[in-house]
PDB file of N, CA and C in Angstrom:
ATOM      1  N   MET A   1       9.079  11.515  -9.514  1.00  0.00           N
ATOM      2  CA  MET A   1       8.207  11.302 -10.540  1.00  0.00           C
ATOM      3  C   MET A   1       7.168  10.859  -9.537  1.00  0.00           C
ATOM      4  N   ARG A   2       5.752  11.134  -9.632  1.00  0.00           N
ATOM      5  CA  ARG A   2       4.659  11.013  -8.348  1.00  0.00           C
ATOM      6  C   ARG A   2       3.698   9.875  -9.012  1.00  0.00           C
ATOM      7  N   ALA A   3       3.690   8.990  -8.138  1.00  0.00           N
ATOM      8  CA  ALA A   3       1.988   7.823  -8.394  1.00  0.00           C
ATOM      9  C   ALA A   3       1.066   8.077  -7.566  1.00  0.00           C
ATOM     10  N   CYS A   4      -0.271   7.695  -8.425  1.00  0.00           N
ATOM     11  CA  CYS A   4      -1.372   7.743  -7.158  1.00  0.00           C
ATOM     12  C   CYS A   4      -1.882   6.395  -7.359  1.00  0.00           C
ATOM     13  N   SER A   5      -2.068   6.120  -6.058  1.00  0.00           N
ATOM     14  CA  SER A   5      -2.839   4.808  -5.860  1.00  0.00           C
ATOM     15  C   SER A   5      -4.425   5.401  -5.391  1.00  0.00           C
ATOM     16  N   SER A   6      -5.574   4.616  -6.022  1.00  0.00           N
ATOM     17  CA  SER A   6      -7.431   4.909  -5.282  1.00  0.00           C
ATOM     18  C   SER A   6      -7.649   3.980  -4.682  1.00  0.00           C
ATOM     19  N   VAL A   7      -7.670   3.327  -3.293  1.00  0.00           N
ATOM     20  CA  VAL A   7      -8.293   2.557  -2.911  1.00  0.00           C
ATOM     21  C   VAL A   7      -9.326   2.198  -2.148  1.00  0.00           C
ATOM     22  N   ASP A   8     -10.382   1.512  -2.624  1.00  0.00           N
ATOM     23  CA  ASP A   8     -11.983   1.233  -2.038  1.00  0.00           C
ATOM     24  C   ASP A   8     -11.342  -0.071  -1.615  1.00  0.00           C
ATOM     25  N   ALA A   9     -11.553  -0.298  -0.340  1.00  0.00           N
ATOM     26  CA  ALA A   9     -10.926  -1.381   0.531  1.00  0.00           C
ATOM     27  C   ALA A   9     -11.839  -2.304   0.670  1.00  0.00           C
ATOM     28  N   GLY A  10     -13.105  -1.734   0.359  1.00  0.00           N
ATOM     29  CA  GLY A  10     -14.201  -3.147   0.355  1.00  0.00           C
ATOM     30  C   GLY A  10     -15.081  -3.100   1.549  1.00  0.00           C
ATOM     31  N   ILE A  11     -15.551  -4.140   1.844  1.00  0.00           N
ATOM     32  CA  ILE A  11     -16.475  -4.090   2.849  1.00  0.00           C
ATOM     33  C   ILE A  11     -17.195  -2.749   3.883  1.00  0.00           C
ATOM     34  N   CYS A  12     -15.502  -2.588   4.188  1.00  0.00           N
ATOM     35  CA  CYS A  12     -15.435  -1.479   5.140  1.00  0.00           C
ATOM     36  C   CYS A  12     -16.070   0.210   4.480  1.00  0.00           C
ATOM     37  N   GLY A  13     -16.119  -0.089   3.470  1.00  0.00           N
ATOM     38  CA  GLY A  13     -16.303   1.178   2.604  1.00  0.00           C
ATOM     39  C   GLY A  13     -15.588   2.636   2.735  1.00  0.00           C
ATOM     40  N   PHE A  14     -14.403   1.927   3.203  1.00  0.00           N
ATOM     41  CA  PHE A  14     -13.717   3.755   3.122  1.00  0.00           C
ATOM     42  C   PHE A  14     -12.381   3.727   2.072  1.00  0.00           C
ATOM     43  N   HIS A  15     -12.559   4.761   1.810  1.00  0.00           N
ATOM     44  CA  HIS A  15     -11.327   4.967   0.322  1.00  0.00           C
ATOM     45  C   HIS A  15     -10.029   5.800   0.963  1.00  0.00           C
ATOM     46  N   THR A  16      -9.282   5.649   0.218  1.00  0.00           N
ATOM     47  CA  THR A  16      -7.794   5.988   0.472  1.00  0.00           C
ATOM     48  C   THR A  16      -7.348   6.138  -0.645  1.00  0.00           C
ATOM     49  N   THR A  17      -6.339   7.293  -0.868  1.00  0.00           N
ATOM     50  CA  THR A  17      -5.482   7.895  -1.606  1.00  0.00           C
ATOM     51  C   THR A  17      -3.947   7.870  -1.253  1.00  0.00           C
ATOM     52  N   VAL A  18      -3.515   7.880  -1.945  1.00  0.00           N
ATOM     53  CA  VAL A  18      -1.831   7.668  -1.821  1.00  0.00           C
ATOM     54  C   VAL A  18      -1.243   8.074  -2.946  1.00  0.00           C
ATOM     55  N   VAL A  19      -0.318   9.115  -2.479  1.00  0.00           N
ATOM     56  CA  VAL A  19       0.474   9.839  -3.588  1.00  0.00           C
ATOM     57  C   VAL A  19       1.847   9.517  -2.900  1.00  0.00           C
ATOM     58  N   ALA A  20       2.788   8.690  -3.860  1.00  0.00           N
ATOM     59  CA  ALA A  20       4.008   8.560  -3.581  1.00  0.00           C
ATOM     60  C   ALA A  20       4.861   9.359  -4.415  1.00  0.00           C
ATOM     61  N   ALA A  21       6.218   9.595  -3.902  1.00  0.00           N
ATOM     62  CA  ALA A  21       6.908  10.686  -4.884  1.00  0.00           C
ATOM     63  C   ALA A  21       7.988  10.283  -4.601  1.00  0.00           C
ATOM     64  N   SER A  22       9.439  10.538  -5.672  1.00  0.00           N
ATOM     65  CA  SER A  22      10.328   9.905  -5.511  1.00  0.00           C
ATOM     66  C   SER A  22      11.114  10.952  -6.497  1.00  0.00           C
ATOM     67  N   ALA A  23      12.495  11.515  -5.965  1.00  0.00           N
ATOM     68  CA  ALA A  23      12.980  12.687  -6.828  1.00  0.00           C
ATOM     69  C   ALA A  23      14.157  12.133  -7.826  1.00  0.00           C
ATOM     70  N   ASP A  24      14.570  10.720  -6.957  1.00  0.00           N
ATOM     71  CA  ASP A  24      15.806  10.107  -7.601  1.00  0.00           C
ATOM     72  C   ASP A  24      15.722   8.774  -7.402  1.00  0.00           C
ATOM     73  N   LYS A  25      14.645   8.216  -8.174  1.00  0.00           N
ATOM     74  CA  LYS A  25      13.932   6.841  -8.311  1.00  0.00           C
ATOM     75  C   LYS A  25      14.702   5.811  -7.544  1.00  0.00           C
ATOM     76  N   ARG A  26      15.005   6.047  -5.999  1.00  0.00           N
ATOM     77  CA  ARG A  26      15.122   5.020  -4.826  1.00  0.00           C
ATOM     78  C   ARG A  26      14.814   5.626  -3.692  1.00  0.00           C
ATOM     79  N   HIS A  27      14.626   6.607  -3.641  1.00  0.00           N
ATOM     80  CA  HIS A  27      13.859   6.788  -2.140  1.00  0.00           C
ATOM     81  C   HIS A  27      12.365   7.629  -2.568  1.00  0.00           C
ATOM     82  N   VAL A  28      11.562   7.302  -1.692  1.00  0.00           N
ATOM     83  CA  VAL A  28      10.028   7.681  -1.660  1.00  0.00           C
ATOM     84  C   VAL A  28       9.602   8.269  -0.820  1.00  0.00           C
ATOM     85  N   THR A  29       8.734   9.261  -0.754  1.00  0.00           N
ATOM     86  CA  THR A  29       7.747   9.712   0.592  1.00  0.00           C
ATOM     87  C   THR A  29       6.100   9.267  -0.069  1.00  0.00           C
ATOM     88  N   PHE A  30       5.454   9.408   0.994  1.00  0.00           N
ATOM     89  CA  PHE A  30       3.772   9.331   0.785  1.00  0.00           C
ATOM     90  C   PHE A  30       3.286  10.276   1.414  1.00  0.00           C
ATOM     91  N   ALA A  31       2.176  10.893   0.586  1.00  0.00           N
ATOM     92  CA  ALA A  31       1.076  11.483   1.158  1.00  0.00           C
ATOM     93  C   ALA A  31       0.196  10.422   1.239  1.00  0.00           C
ATOM     94  N   ILE A  32      -0.815  10.327   2.219  1.00  0.00           N
ATOM     95  CA  ILE A  32      -1.481   9.048   2.434  1.00  0.00           C
ATOM     96  C   ILE A  32      -2.961  10.055   3.177  1.00  0.00           C
ATOM     97  N   GLU A  33      -4.191  10.069   2.227  1.00  0.00           N
ATOM     98  CA  GLU A  33      -5.259  10.940   2.441  1.00  0.00           C
ATOM     99  C   GLU A  33      -6.751   9.247   2.716  1.00  0.00           C
ATOM    100  N   THR A  34      -7.120   9.364   4.102  1.00  0.00           N
ATOM    101  CA  THR A  34      -8.234   8.166   4.096  1.00  0.00           C
ATOM    102  C   THR A  34      -8.817   8.728   5.316  1.00  0.00           C
ATOM    103  N   GLU A  35     -10.226   7.755   5.123  1.00  0.00           N
ATOM    104  CA  GLU A  35     -11.573   8.168   6.074  1.00  0.00           C
ATOM    105  C   GLU A  35     -11.301   6.917   6.660  1.00  0.00           C
ATOM    106  N   CYS A  36     -10.053   6.445   6.891  1.00  0.00           N
ATOM    107  CA  CYS A  36      -9.957   4.873   7.976  1.00  0.00           C
ATOM    108  C   CYS A  36      -8.764   5.266   8.805  1.00  0.00           C
ATOM    109  N   ASP A  37      -9.484   5.301  10.545  1.00  0.00           N
ATOM    110  CA  ASP A  37      -8.664   5.835  11.458  1.00  0.00           C
ATOM    111  C   ASP A  37      -7.390   4.810  11.465  1.00  0.00           C
ATOM    112  N   VAL A  38      -7.696   3.361  10.771  1.00  0.00           N
ATOM    113  CA  VAL A  38      -6.101   2.346  11.324  1.00  0.00           C
ATOM    114  C   VAL A  38      -5.515   2.673  10.259  1.00  0.00           C
ATOM    115  N   VAL A  39      -6.184   3.155   8.744  1.00  0.00           N
ATOM    116  CA  VAL A  39      -5.351   3.512   7.834  1.00  0.00           C
ATOM    117  C   VAL A  39      -3.923   4.804   8.172  1.00  0.00           C
ATOM    118  N   ALA A  40      -5.016   5.604   8.997  1.00  0.00           N
ATOM    119  CA  ALA A  40      -4.287   7.047   9.030  1.00  0.00           C
ATOM    120  C   ALA A  40      -3.519   6.581  10.069  1.00  0.00           C
ATOM    121  N   ARG A  41      -3.468   5.782  11.022  1.00  0.00           N
ATOM    122  CA  ARG A  41      -2.205   5.469  11.835  1.00  0.00           C
ATOM    123  C   ARG A  41      -1.190   4.959  11.071  1.00  0.00           C
ATOM    124  N   LEU A  42      -1.510   4.363  10.150  1.00  0.00           N
ATOM    125  CA  LEU A  42      -0.285   3.308   9.046  1.00  0.00           C
ATOM    126  C   LEU A  42       0.327   4.655   8.501  1.00  0.00           C
ATOM    127  N   ALA A  43      -0.784   5.529   8.144  1.00  0.00           N
ATOM    128  CA  ALA A  43       0.166   6.698   7.104  1.00  0.00           C
ATOM    129  C   ALA A  43       0.934   7.844   8.217  1.00  0.00           C
ATOM    130  N   ALA A  44       0.367   7.928   9.405  1.00  0.00           N
ATOM    131  CA  ALA A  44       1.461   8.873  10.701  1.00  0.00           C
ATOM    132  C   ALA A  44       2.815   8.188  10.761  1.00  0.00           C
ATOM    133  N   ALA A  45       2.408   6.404  10.914  1.00  0.00           N
ATOM    134  CA  ALA A  45       3.998   6.013  11.043  1.00  0.00           C
ATOM    135  C   ALA A  45       4.845   6.133   9.988  1.00  0.00           C
ATOM    136  N   LEU A  46       4.307   5.856   8.446  1.00  0.00           N
ATOM    137  CA  LEU A  46       5.221   6.000   7.704  1.00  0.00           C
ATOM    138  C   LEU A  46       5.938   7.535   7.777  1.00  0.00           C
ATOM    139  N   GLY A  47       5.082   8.177   7.659  1.00  0.00           N
ATOM    140  CA  GLY A  47       5.847  10.047   7.427  1.00  0.00           C
ATOM    141  C   GLY A  47       6.662   9.723   8.460  1.00  0.00           C
ATOM    142  N   GLU A  48       6.868   9.112   9.548  1.00  0.00           N
ATOM    143  CA  GLU A  48       7.527   9.113  10.873  1.00  0.00           C
ATOM    144  C   GLU A  48       9.197   8.794  10.414  1.00  0.00           C
ATOM    145  N   ILE A  49       9.201   7.981   8.947  1.00  0.00           N
ATOM    146  CA  ILE A  49      10.397   6.992   8.537  1.00  0.00           C
ATOM    147  C   ILE A  49      10.619   7.229   7.509  1.00  0.00           C
ATOM    148  N   GLN A  50       9.780   8.076   6.493  1.00  0.00           N
ATOM    149  CA  GLN A  50      10.299   8.531   5.218  1.00  0.00           C
ATOM    150  C   GLN A  50      11.261   9.608   5.235  1.00  0.00           C
ATOM    151  N   PRO A  51      12.074   9.667   4.031  1.00  0.00           N
ATOM    152  CA  PRO A  51      12.074   8.570   2.537  1.00  0.00           C
ATOM    153  C   PRO A  51      12.458   7.164   3.056  1.00  0.00           C
ATOM    154  N   ILE A  52      11.663   6.666   2.705  1.00  0.00           N
ATOM    155  CA  ILE A  52      11.990   5.220   2.322  1.00  0.00           C
ATOM    156  C   ILE A  52      12.459   4.499   0.985  1.00  0.00           C
ATOM    157  N   ASP A  53      13.656   3.458   1.492  1.00  0.00           N
ATOM    158  CA  ASP A  53      14.973   3.157   0.613  1.00  0.00           C
ATOM    159  C   ASP A  53      13.852   1.933  -0.014  1.00  0.00           C
ATOM    160  N   VAL A  54      13.568   2.776  -1.835  1.00  0.00           N
ATOM    161  CA  VAL A  54      13.166   1.511  -2.220  1.00  0.00           C
ATOM    162  C   VAL A  54      13.339   0.162  -2.205  1.00  0.00           C
ATOM    163  N   TYR A  55      14.982   0.046  -2.457  1.00  0.00           N
ATOM    164  CA  TYR A  55      15.522  -0.863  -3.297  1.00  0.00           C
ATOM    165  C   TYR A  55      15.314  -1.925  -1.674  1.00  0.00           C
ATOM    166  N   GLY A  56      15.696  -1.374  -0.514  1.00  0.00           N
ATOM    167  CA  GLY A  56      15.594  -2.152   1.024  1.00  0.00           C
ATOM    168  C   GLY A  56      14.298  -2.689   1.003  1.00  0.00           C
ATOM    169  N   GLU A  57      13.323  -2.027  -0.138  1.00  0.00           N
ATOM    170  CA  GLU A  57      11.619  -2.884   0.312  1.00  0.00           C
ATOM    171  C   GLU A  57      11.325  -3.893  -0.715  1.00  0.00           C
ATOM    172  N   VAL A  58      12.184  -4.305  -2.043  1.00  0.00           N
ATOM    173  CA  VAL A  58      12.169  -4.905  -2.739  1.00  0.00           C
ATOM    174  C   VAL A  58      13.118  -6.587  -2.824  1.00  0.00           C
ATOM    175  N   ASP A  59      14.273  -5.918  -1.777  1.00  0.00           N
ATOM    176  CA  ASP A  59      15.071  -6.622  -1.666  1.00  0.00           C
ATOM    177  C   ASP A  59      14.793  -8.148  -0.895  1.00  0.00           C
ATOM    178  N   LYS A  60      14.970  -8.835  -1.423  1.00  0.00           N
ATOM    179  CA  LYS A  60      14.129 -10.432  -0.811  1.00  0.00           C
ATOM    180  C   LYS A  60      15.196 -10.615   0.348  1.00  0.00           C
ATOM    181  N   ARG A  61      16.166 -10.118   0.812  1.00  0.00           N
ATOM    182  CA  ARG A  61      17.127 -10.311   1.456  1.00  0.00           C
ATOM    183  C   ARG A  61      16.882  -9.402   2.328  1.00  0.00           C
ATOM    184  N   LYS A  62      15.647  -8.658   2.752  1.00  0.00           N
ATOM    185  CA  LYS A  62      15.679  -7.457   3.691  1.00  0.00           C
ATOM    186  C   LYS A  62      14.302  -7.402   4.576  1.00  0.00           C
ATOM    187  N   GLU A  63      14.016  -7.161   5.221  1.00  0.00           N
ATOM    188  CA  GLU A  63      12.364  -6.949   6.251  1.00  0.00           C
ATOM    189  C   GLU A  63      12.286  -5.830   4.928  1.00  0.00           C
ATOM    190  N   SER A  64      11.039  -5.303   4.919  1.00  0.00           N
ATOM    191  CA  SER A  64      10.236  -4.359   4.361  1.00  0.00           C
ATOM    192  C   SER A  64       9.774  -3.802   5.826  1.00  0.00           C
ATOM    193  N   VAL A  65      10.208  -2.359   5.432  1.00  0.00           N
ATOM    194  CA  VAL A  65       9.846  -1.432   6.416  1.00  0.00           C
ATOM    195  C   VAL A  65       8.048  -0.720   6.488  1.00  0.00           C
ATOM    196  N   ILE A  66       7.928  -0.950   4.965  1.00  0.00           N
ATOM    197  CA  ILE A  66       6.739  -0.862   5.044  1.00  0.00           C
ATOM    198  C   ILE A  66       5.700  -1.773   5.331  1.00  0.00           C
ATOM    199  N   LEU A  67       5.657  -3.195   5.219  1.00  0.00           N
ATOM    200  CA  LEU A  67       5.138  -4.272   6.057  1.00  0.00           C
ATOM    201  C   LEU A  67       5.578  -4.153   6.897  1.00  0.00           C
ATOM    202  N   ALA A  68       6.509  -4.667   7.681  1.00  0.00           N
ATOM    203  CA  ALA A  68       6.523  -3.865   9.373  1.00  0.00           C
ATOM    204  C   ALA A  68       5.958  -2.961  10.165  1.00  0.00           C
ATOM    205  N   THR A  69       5.804  -2.103   9.448  1.00  0.00           N
ATOM    206  CA  THR A  69       4.927  -0.689  10.407  1.00  0.00           C
ATOM    207  C   THR A  69       3.193  -1.238   9.373  1.00  0.00           C
ATOM    208  N   VAL A  70       2.825  -1.682   9.107  1.00  0.00           N
ATOM    209  CA  VAL A  70       1.585  -1.990   8.645  1.00  0.00           C
ATOM    210  C   VAL A  70       1.537  -3.201   9.482  1.00  0.00           C
ATOM    211  N   VAL A  71       2.018  -3.914   9.938  1.00  0.00           N
ATOM    212  CA  VAL A  71       1.767  -5.224  10.919  1.00  0.00           C
ATOM    213  C   VAL A  71       1.967  -4.391  12.717  1.00  0.00           C
ATOM    214  N   GLU A  72       2.913  -3.322  12.413  1.00  0.00           N
ATOM    215  CA  GLU A  72       2.861  -2.541  13.948  1.00  0.00           C
ATOM    216  C   GLU A  72       1.433  -1.792  14.023  1.00  0.00           C
ATOM    217  N   THR A  73       1.203  -1.234  13.166  1.00  0.00           N
ATOM    218  CA  THR A  73      -0.326  -0.243  12.942  1.00  0.00           C
ATOM    219  C   THR A  73      -1.682  -0.496  12.542  1.00  0.00           C
ATOM    220  N   MET A  74      -1.612  -1.848  11.985  1.00  0.00           N
ATOM    221  CA  MET A  74      -2.788  -2.234  11.379  1.00  0.00           C
ATOM    222  C   MET A  74      -3.529  -3.457  11.915  1.00  0.00           C
ATOM    223  N   ALA A  75      -3.111  -3.535  13.919  1.00  0.00           N
ATOM    224  CA  ALA A  75      -3.462  -5.330  14.030  1.00  0.00           C
ATOM    225  C   ALA A  75      -5.161  -5.714  14.463  1.00  0.00           C
ATOM    226  N   GLU A  76      -5.708  -4.479  14.603  1.00  0.00           N
ATOM    227  CA  GLU A  76      -7.232  -4.969  14.553  1.00  0.00           C
ATOM    228  C   GLU A  76      -8.059  -5.130  13.286  1.00  0.00           C
ATOM    229  N   CYS A  77      -6.896  -4.455  12.299  1.00  0.00           N
ATOM    230  CA  CYS A  77      -7.384  -4.473  10.728  1.00  0.00           C
ATOM    231  C   CYS A  77      -7.429  -6.134  10.130  1.00  0.00           C
ATOM    232  N   ARG A  78      -7.926  -6.626   9.547  1.00  0.00           N
ATOM    233  CA  ARG A  78      -8.124  -8.059   8.658  1.00  0.00           C
ATOM    234  C   ARG A  78      -6.847  -7.674   7.858  1.00  0.00           C
ATOM    235  N   LYS A  79      -5.909  -8.995   7.544  1.00  0.00           N
ATOM    236  CA  LYS A  79      -4.489  -9.142   6.496  1.00  0.00           C
ATOM    237  C   LYS A  79      -4.849  -8.625   5.422  1.00  0.00           C
ATOM    238  N   SER A  80      -6.413  -8.616   5.196  1.00  0.00           N
ATOM    239  CA  SER A  80      -6.774  -8.703   3.730  1.00  0.00           C
ATOM    240  C   SER A  80      -7.203  -7.272   3.234  1.00  0.00           C
ATOM    241  N   CYS A  81      -6.613  -6.035   4.250  1.00  0.00           N
ATOM    242  CA  CYS A  81      -6.816  -4.928   3.429  1.00  0.00           C
ATOM    243  C   CYS A  81      -5.907  -4.506   2.623  1.00  0.00           C
ATOM    244  N   ALA A  82      -6.806  -4.088   1.509  1.00  0.00           N
ATOM    245  CA  ALA A  82      -5.699  -3.642   0.314  1.00  0.00           C
ATOM    246  C   ALA A  82      -5.197  -2.003   0.305  1.00  0.00           C
ATOM    247  N   VAL A  83      -5.348  -1.769   1.320  1.00  0.00           N
ATOM    248  CA  VAL A  83      -4.622  -0.415   1.338  1.00  0.00           C
ATOM    249  C   VAL A  83      -3.033  -0.776   1.084  1.00  0.00           C
ATOM    250  N   PRO A  84      -2.168  -1.385   1.712  1.00  0.00           N
ATOM    251  CA  PRO A  84      -0.416  -1.823   2.087  1.00  0.00           C
ATOM    252  C   PRO A  84      -0.865  -2.298   0.295  1.00  0.00           C
ATOM    253  N   LEU A  85      -1.107  -2.794  -0.276  1.00  0.00           N
ATOM    254  CA  LEU A  85      -1.121  -3.276  -2.282  1.00  0.00           C
ATOM    255  C   LEU A  85      -0.835  -2.226  -2.753  1.00  0.00           C
ATOM    256  N   GLY A  86      -2.098  -1.160  -2.212  1.00  0.00           N
ATOM    257  CA  GLY A  86      -2.176   0.523  -2.921  1.00  0.00           C
ATOM    258  C   GLY A  86      -0.865   1.041  -2.625  1.00  0.00           C
ATOM    259  N   ILE A  87      -0.352   1.035  -1.049  1.00  0.00           N
ATOM    260  CA  ILE A  87       1.067   1.745  -1.165  1.00  0.00           C
ATOM    261  C   ILE A  87       2.210   1.223  -2.005  1.00  0.00           C
ATOM    262  N   PHE A  88       2.123  -0.036  -1.977  1.00  0.00           N
ATOM    263  CA  PHE A  88       3.711  -0.493  -2.960  1.00  0.00           C
ATOM    264  C   PHE A  88       3.478  -0.510  -3.913  1.00  0.00           C
ATOM    265  N   LYS A  89       2.298  -0.407  -4.835  1.00  0.00           N
ATOM    266  CA  LYS A  89       2.192  -0.275  -6.141  1.00  0.00           C
ATOM    267  C   LYS A  89       2.419   1.127  -6.438  1.00  0.00           C
ATOM    268  N   ALA A  90       2.241   1.669  -5.552  1.00  0.00           N
ATOM    269  CA  ALA A  90       2.446   3.284  -5.961  1.00  0.00           C
ATOM    270  C   ALA A  90       3.860   3.939  -6.274  1.00  0.00           C
ATOM    271  N   MET A  91       4.541   2.996  -4.581  1.00  0.00           N
ATOM    272  CA  MET A  91       6.143   3.328  -4.572  1.00  0.00           C
ATOM    273  C   MET A  91       6.604   2.949  -5.953  1.00  0.00           C
ATOM    274  N   GLN A  92       6.255   1.209  -6.560  1.00  0.00           N
ATOM    275  CA  GLN A  92       6.863   1.109  -7.530  1.00  0.00           C
ATOM    276  C   GLN A  92       7.046   2.049  -8.871  1.00  0.00           C
ATOM    277  N   VAL A  93       5.437   2.430  -9.044  1.00  0.00           N
ATOM    278  CA  VAL A  93       5.841   3.663 -10.248  1.00  0.00           C
ATOM    279  C   VAL A  93       6.052   4.738  -9.930  1.00  0.00           C
ATOM    280  N   ALA A  94       6.261   5.225  -8.893  1.00  0.00           N
ATOM    281  CA  ALA A  94       6.996   6.423  -8.687  1.00  0.00           C
ATOM    282  C   ALA A  94       8.810   6.507  -8.634  1.00  0.00           C
ATOM    283  N   THR A  95       8.952   4.904  -8.235  1.00  0.00           N
ATOM    284  CA  THR A  95      10.590   4.762  -8.607  1.00  0.00           C
ATOM    285  C   THR A  95      10.938   4.296 -10.176  1.00  0.00           C
ATOM    286  N   GLY A  96       9.945   4.068 -10.925  1.00  0.00           N
ATOM    287  CA  GLY A  96      10.561   3.268 -11.892  1.00  0.00           C
ATOM    288  C   GLY A  96      10.764   1.920 -12.155  1.00  0.00           C
ATOM    289  N   LEU A  97      10.060   1.218 -10.592  1.00  0.00           N
ATOM    290  CA  LEU A  97      10.321   0.021 -11.052  1.00  0.00           C
ATOM    291  C   LEU A  97       9.098  -0.977 -11.691  1.00  0.00           C
ATOM    292  N   ALA A  98       8.121  -0.265 -11.738  1.00  0.00           N
ATOM    293  CA  ALA A  98       6.842  -0.628 -12.503  1.00  0.00           C
ATOM    294  C   ALA A  98       6.262   0.660 -13.434  1.00  0.00           C
ATOM    295  N   LEU A  99       5.507   0.166 -14.482  1.00  0.00           N
ATOM    296  CA  LEU A  99       4.587   0.968 -15.145  1.00  0.00           C
ATOM    297  C   LEU A  99       3.319   1.235 -14.388  1.00  0.00           C
ATOM    298  N   PRO A 100       2.712   2.112 -14.368  1.00  0.00           N
ATOM    299  CA  PRO A 100       1.521   2.270 -14.192  1.00  0.00           C
ATOM    300  C   PRO A 100       0.117   1.303 -14.779  1.00  0.00           C
ATOM    301  N   ARG A 101      -0.614   0.486 -13.766  1.00  0.00           N
ATOM    302  CA  ARG A 101      -1.158  -0.531 -14.285  1.00  0.00           C
ATOM    303  C   ARG A 101      -2.547  -0.782 -12.936  1.00  0.00           C
ATOM    304  N   ASP A 102      -3.701  -0.676 -13.832  1.00  0.00           N
ATOM    305  CA  ASP A 102      -4.513  -0.934 -12.341  1.00  0.00           C
ATOM    306  C   ASP A 102      -4.634  -2.411 -12.514  1.00  0.00           C
ATOM    307  N   VAL A 103      -4.958  -2.448 -10.879  1.00  0.00           N
ATOM    308  CA  VAL A 103      -5.163  -4.068 -10.222  1.00  0.00           C
ATOM    309  C   VAL A 103      -6.585  -3.856 -10.118  1.00  0.00           C
ATOM    310  N   HIS A 104      -7.230  -5.089 -10.617  1.00  0.00           N
ATOM    311  CA  HIS A 104      -8.294  -5.439  -9.988  1.00  0.00           C
ATOM    312  C   HIS A 104      -8.953  -6.710  -9.359  1.00  0.00           C
ATOM    313  N   ILE A 105      -9.456  -6.482  -8.244  1.00  0.00           N
ATOM    314  CA  ILE A 105      -9.901  -7.830  -7.305  1.00  0.00           C
ATOM    315  C   ILE A 105     -11.108  -8.064  -7.221  1.00  0.00           C
ATOM    316  N   ALA A 106     -11.573  -9.185  -7.797  1.00  0.00           N
ATOM    317  CA  ALA A 106     -13.614  -8.587  -7.696  1.00  0.00           C
ATOM    318  C   ALA A 106     -13.442 -10.104  -6.736  1.00  0.00           C
ATOM    319  N   VAL A 107     -14.174 -10.112  -5.497  1.00  0.00           N
ATOM    320  CA  VAL A 107     -14.794 -10.837  -5.050  1.00  0.00           C
ATOM    321  C   VAL A 107     -16.263 -11.338  -4.613  1.00  0.00           C
ATOM    322  N   THR A 108     -16.640 -12.477  -4.960  1.00  0.00           N
ATOM    323  CA  THR A 108     -18.172 -13.344  -4.577  1.00  0.00           C
ATOM    324  C   THR A 108     -18.267 -14.033  -4.111  1.00  0.00           C
ATOM    325  N   ALA A 109     -19.237 -14.359  -3.797  1.00  0.00           N
ATOM    326  CA  ALA A 109     -19.721 -15.553  -3.148  1.00  0.00           C
ATOM    327  C   ALA A 109     -19.734 -16.753  -4.100  1.00  0.00           C
ATOM    328  N   CYS A 110     -19.273 -17.782  -4.106  1.00  0.00           N
ATOM    329  CA  CYS A 110     -19.548 -18.967  -5.294  1.00  0.00           C
ATOM    330  C   CYS A 110     -19.711 -20.307  -4.576  1.00  0.00           C
ATOM    331  N   GLU A 111     -20.719 -21.640  -5.466  1.00  0.00           N
ATOM    332  CA  GLU A 111     -21.072 -22.328  -5.011  1.00  0.00           C
ATOM    333  C   GLU A 111     -19.763 -23.092  -4.455  1.00  0.00           C
ATOM    334  N   ALA A 112     -19.671 -23.982  -3.531  1.00  0.00           N
ATOM    335  CA  ALA A 112     -18.522 -24.660  -2.846  1.00  0.00           C
ATOM    336  C   ALA A 112     -18.097 -25.577  -4.179  1.00  0.00           C
ATOM    337  N   ALA A 113     -18.700 -25.825  -4.846  1.00  0.00           N
ATOM    338  CA  ALA A 113     -18.101 -27.014  -6.321  1.00  0.00           C
ATOM    339  C   ALA A 113     -17.682 -26.214  -6.842  1.00  0.00           C
ATOM    340  N   ASP A 114     -17.798 -24.615  -7.259  1.00  0.00           N
ATOM    341  CA  ASP A 114     -17.114 -24.278  -8.054  1.00  0.00           C
ATOM    342  C   ASP A 114     -15.525 -24.058  -8.128  1.00  0.00           C
ATOM    343  N   ALA A 115     -15.400 -24.065  -6.198  1.00  0.00           N
ATOM    344  CA  ALA A 115     -13.784 -24.131  -5.736  1.00  0.00           C
ATOM    345  C   ALA A 115     -13.172 -25.386  -5.642  1.00  0.00           C
ATOM    346  N   GLU A 116     -13.692 -26.301  -6.265  1.00  0.00           N
ATOM    347  CA  GLU A 116     -12.884 -27.234  -5.789  1.00  0.00           C
ATOM    348  C   GLU A 116     -12.136 -27.537  -7.064  1.00  0.00           C
TER     349      GLU A 116
END
């Protein structure tokens, strides 16, 4: 199965497309196209270690290979980058661990009193 994520990361203005593919519903490979140099490094690093065992990614007793690769390759990028989430969501759908559904995060400035 294949699943696609389309990520517009925010104020940086970069767009990323993630295609996750799994033939056995356990191992996944990624094809990632991006305008961002930092995400391109992440994509190259993931390309060197795939296929990735999805069960290891979702097992709370194991360290996520994807997240470890994000930490190694995206150091100068803010931790709030939405692309890693798009990678995980595509992985879950491609392996049958989740159904395809859009995720929306809307961020706006608000008055301090609104946050209390």
